[in-house]
């Protein structure tokens, strides 16, 4: 899985877990933050969210 796919999975998982998305602005902020993380960090977040 490449970095972009990991970012997609993590963001979808976090939104699903919280059950809501506040705004497009908050979604973009989350995506920008996730894009700065390494693949290993993203995989760790996915494991924690499961």
C-alpha atoms as a PDB file:
ATOM      1  CA  UNK A   1       0.000   0.000   0.000  1.00  0.00           C
ATOM      2  CA  UNK A   2       1.482   3.352  -0.963  1.00  0.00           C
ATOM      3  CA  UNK A   3       1.440   6.541   1.118  1.00  0.00           C
ATOM      4  CA  UNK A   4      -1.633   8.051  -0.559  1.00  0.00           C
ATOM      5  CA  UNK A   5      -3.644   4.870  -0.043  1.00  0.00           C
ATOM      6  CA  UNK A   6      -2.615   4.783   3.614  1.00  0.00           C
ATOM      7  CA  UNK A   7      -3.734   8.402   4.071  1.00  0.00           C
ATOM      8  CA  UNK A   8      -7.077   7.528   2.448  1.00  0.00           C
ATOM      9  CA  UNK A   9      -7.578   4.513   4.703  1.00  0.00           C
ATOM     10  CA  UNK A  10      -6.612   6.343   7.882  1.00  0.00           C
ATOM     11  CA  UNK A  11      -8.842   9.334   7.171  1.00  0.00           C
ATOM     12  CA  UNK A  12     -11.790   7.081   6.289  1.00  0.00           C
ATOM     13  CA  UNK A  13     -11.219   5.022   9.422  1.00  0.00           C
ATOM     14  CA  UNK A  14     -11.056   8.086  11.658  1.00  0.00           C
ATOM     15  CA  UNK A  15     -14.228   9.557  10.177  1.00  0.00           C
ATOM     16  CA  UNK A  16     -16.029   6.215  10.480  1.00  0.00           C
ATOM     17  CA  UNK A  17     -14.894   5.844  14.095  1.00  0.00           C
ATOM     18  CA  UNK A  18     -16.004   9.343  15.099  1.00  0.00           C
ATOM     19  CA  UNK A  19     -19.249   9.069  13.146  1.00  0.00           C
ATOM     20  CA  UNK A  20     -19.109  12.625  11.847  1.00  0.00           C
ATOM     21  CA  UNK A  21     -17.074  15.195  10.009  1.00  0.00           C
ATOM     22  CA  UNK A  22     -17.235  18.738  11.277  1.00  0.00           C
ATOM     23  CA  UNK A  23     -16.451  20.577   8.053  1.00  0.00           C
ATOM     24  CA  UNK A  24     -14.481  20.489   4.852  1.00  0.00           C
ATOM     25  CA  UNK A  25     -11.899  22.701   6.522  1.00  0.00           C
ATOM     26  CA  UNK A  26     -11.373  20.204   9.347  1.00  0.00           C
ATOM     27  CA  UNK A  27     -11.190  17.355   6.819  1.00  0.00           C
ATOM     28  CA  UNK A  28      -8.491  19.207   4.863  1.00  0.00           C
ATOM     29  CA  UNK A  29      -6.553  19.932   8.048  1.00  0.00           C
ATOM     30  CA  UNK A  30      -6.670  16.254   8.985  1.00  0.00           C
ATOM     31  CA  UNK A  31      -5.553  15.195   5.501  1.00  0.00           C
ATOM     32  CA  UNK A  32      -2.692  17.707   5.531  1.00  0.00           C
ATOM     33  CA  UNK A  33      -1.528  16.361   8.886  1.00  0.00           C
ATOM     34  CA  UNK A  34      -1.771  12.735   7.738  1.00  0.00           C
ATOM     35  CA  UNK A  35       0.206  13.527   4.583  1.00  0.00           C
ATOM     36  CA  UNK A  36       3.110  14.663   6.783  1.00  0.00           C
ATOM     37  CA  UNK A  37       3.308  11.325   8.599  1.00  0.00           C
ATOM     38  CA  UNK A  38       5.448   8.389   7.523  1.00  0.00           C
ATOM     39  CA  UNK A  39       3.979   5.131   6.271  1.00  0.00           C
ATOM     40  CA  UNK A  40       4.919   3.456   9.557  1.00  0.00           C
ATOM     41  CA  UNK A  41       3.081   6.113  11.568  1.00  0.00           C
ATOM     42  CA  UNK A  42      -0.003   5.770   9.358  1.00  0.00           C
ATOM     43  CA  UNK A  43       0.026   1.983   9.767  1.00  0.00           C
ATOM     44  CA  UNK A  44       0.223   2.424  13.552  1.00  0.00           C
ATOM     45  CA  UNK A  45      -2.802   4.729  13.491  1.00  0.00           C
ATOM     46  CA  UNK A  46      -4.734   2.176  11.437  1.00  0.00           C
ATOM     47  CA  UNK A  47      -3.914  -0.521  13.972  1.00  0.00           C
ATOM     48  CA  UNK A  48      -5.033   1.685  16.855  1.00  0.00           C
ATOM     49  CA  UNK A  49      -8.271   2.608  15.091  1.00  0.00           C
ATOM     50  CA  UNK A  50      -9.215  -1.032  14.471  1.00  0.00           C
END
